[in-house]
Amino acid sequence: MISVIIDVWLVNVSFRSRVKEYLPIVGLADFNKLRAKLIFGADRPAIQGERVATVQCLCSLGSHEGRG
């Protein structure tokens, strides 16, 4: 999974001049599949049977900050 994150980061850094578009509503499919395998375990029957759904949501700087 870390290699996927690094690859995406490298693509974004190397193409600074291109227009940055949001991901499709379903997110980045390969990232979601790899994340599910990492979290639940690639050998689990639910993963192998493609019965696991993941959600990828937008965030911004500070969106995970606790403000009181």
C-alpha atoms as a PDB file:
ATOM      1  CA  MET A   1       0.000   0.000   0.000  1.00  0.00           C
ATOM      2  CA  ILE A   2       2.802   2.392   0.816  1.00  0.00           C
ATOM      3  CA  SER A   3       4.199   1.932  -2.698  1.00  0.00           C
ATOM      4  CA  VAL A   4       0.814   2.970  -4.172  1.00  0.00           C
ATOM      5  CA  ILE A   5       0.801   6.148  -2.078  1.00  0.00           C
ATOM      6  CA  ILE A   6       4.380   6.933  -3.097  1.00  0.00           C
ATOM      7  CA  ASP A   7       3.577   6.285  -6.777  1.00  0.00           C
ATOM      8  CA  VAL A   8       0.561   8.625  -6.674  1.00  0.00           C
ATOM      9  CA  TRP A   9       2.618  11.297  -4.913  1.00  0.00           C
ATOM     10  CA  LEU A  10       5.408  11.008  -7.509  1.00  0.00           C
ATOM     11  CA  VAL A  11       2.924  11.360 -10.362  1.00  0.00           C
ATOM     12  CA  ASN A  12       1.441  14.479  -8.771  1.00  0.00           C
ATOM     13  CA  VAL A  13       4.861  16.013  -8.147  1.00  0.00           C
ATOM     14  CA  SER A  14       6.127  15.270 -11.656  1.00  0.00           C
ATOM     15  CA  PHE A  15       3.078  16.840 -13.352  1.00  0.00           C
ATOM     16  CA  ARG A  16       2.768  20.124 -11.480  1.00  0.00           C
ATOM     17  CA  SER A  17       1.647  22.012 -14.596  1.00  0.00           C
ATOM     18  CA  ARG A  18      -1.329  19.788 -15.399  1.00  0.00           C
ATOM     19  CA  VAL A  19      -4.839  20.516 -14.213  1.00  0.00           C
ATOM     20  CA  LYS A  20      -5.595  18.660 -10.976  1.00  0.00           C
ATOM     21  CA  GLU A  21      -8.991  16.998 -11.104  1.00  0.00           C
ATOM     22  CA  TYR A  22     -10.814  15.301  -8.261  1.00  0.00           C
ATOM     23  CA  LEU A  23     -11.003  11.541  -8.296  1.00  0.00           C
ATOM     24  CA  PRO A  24     -14.214   9.935  -9.570  1.00  0.00           C
ATOM     25  CA  ILE A  25     -17.011   9.515  -7.034  1.00  0.00           C
ATOM     26  CA  VAL A  26     -15.902   5.917  -6.302  1.00  0.00           C
ATOM     27  CA  GLY A  27     -12.331   7.037  -5.547  1.00  0.00           C
ATOM     28  CA  LEU A  28      -9.166   5.367  -6.788  1.00  0.00           C
ATOM     29  CA  ALA A  29     -10.183   1.735  -7.337  1.00  0.00           C
ATOM     30  CA  ASP A  30      -6.710   0.165  -7.073  1.00  0.00           C
ATOM     31  CA  PHE A  31      -5.979   2.067  -3.864  1.00  0.00           C
ATOM     32  CA  ASN A  32      -9.303   0.980  -2.338  1.00  0.00           C
ATOM     33  CA  LYS A  33      -8.707  -2.697  -3.200  1.00  0.00           C
ATOM     34  CA  LEU A  34      -5.181  -2.687  -1.799  1.00  0.00           C
ATOM     35  CA  ARG A  35      -6.314  -0.868   1.335  1.00  0.00           C
ATOM     36  CA  ALA A  36      -9.028  -3.480   1.970  1.00  0.00           C
ATOM     37  CA  LYS A  37      -6.469  -6.290   1.563  1.00  0.00           C
ATOM     38  CA  LEU A  38      -4.148  -4.555   4.013  1.00  0.00           C
ATOM     39  CA  ILE A  39      -6.856  -3.937   6.615  1.00  0.00           C
ATOM     40  CA  PHE A  40      -8.745  -7.235   6.420  1.00  0.00           C
ATOM     41  CA  GLY A  41      -5.994  -9.552   5.135  1.00  0.00           C
ATOM     42  CA  ALA A  42      -5.558 -10.692   1.543  1.00  0.00           C
ATOM     43  CA  ASP A  43      -6.233 -14.323   2.487  1.00  0.00           C
ATOM     44  CA  ARG A  44      -9.698 -13.686   3.982  1.00  0.00           C
ATOM     45  CA  PRO A  45     -12.660 -15.313   2.179  1.00  0.00           C
ATOM     46  CA  ALA A  46     -14.549 -11.996   2.031  1.00  0.00           C
ATOM     47  CA  ILE A  47     -11.635 -10.345   0.230  1.00  0.00           C
ATOM     48  CA  GLN A  48     -11.105 -13.265  -2.135  1.00  0.00           C
ATOM     49  CA  GLY A  49     -14.831 -13.374  -2.869  1.00  0.00           C
ATOM     50  CA  GLU A  50     -14.891  -9.593  -3.490  1.00  0.00           C
ATOM     51  CA  ARG A  51     -17.519  -9.053  -0.779  1.00  0.00           C
ATOM     52  CA  VAL A  52     -15.774  -6.123   0.905  1.00  0.00           C
ATOM     53  CA  ALA A  53     -16.666  -2.523   0.057  1.00  0.00           C
ATOM     54  CA  THR A  54     -14.494   0.472   0.888  1.00  0.00           C
ATOM     55  CA  VAL A  55     -15.170   4.189   0.982  1.00  0.00           C
ATOM     56  CA  GLN A  56     -12.769   6.943   0.059  1.00  0.00           C
ATOM     57  CA  CYS A  57     -13.787  10.458   1.037  1.00  0.00           C
ATOM     58  CA  LEU A  58     -12.537  13.965   0.498  1.00  0.00           C
ATOM     59  CA  CYS A  59     -10.647  15.758   3.181  1.00  0.00           C
ATOM     60  CA  SER A  60      -8.779  18.991   3.502  1.00  0.00           C
ATOM     61  CA  LEU A  61      -6.075  20.355   5.721  1.00  0.00           C
ATOM     62  CA  GLY A  62      -7.457  20.512   9.206  1.00  0.00           C
ATOM     63  CA  SER A  63     -10.452  18.280   8.514  1.00  0.00           C
ATOM     64  CA  HIS A  64      -9.197  15.700  11.004  1.00  0.00           C
ATOM     65  CA  GLU A  65      -8.178  18.258  13.603  1.00  0.00           C
ATOM     66  CA  GLY A  66     -10.110  18.315  16.817  1.00  0.00           C
ATOM     67  CA  ARG A  67     -11.261  21.839  17.494  1.00  0.00           C
ATOM     68  CA  GLY A  68     -12.924  22.719  20.730  1.00  0.00           C
END
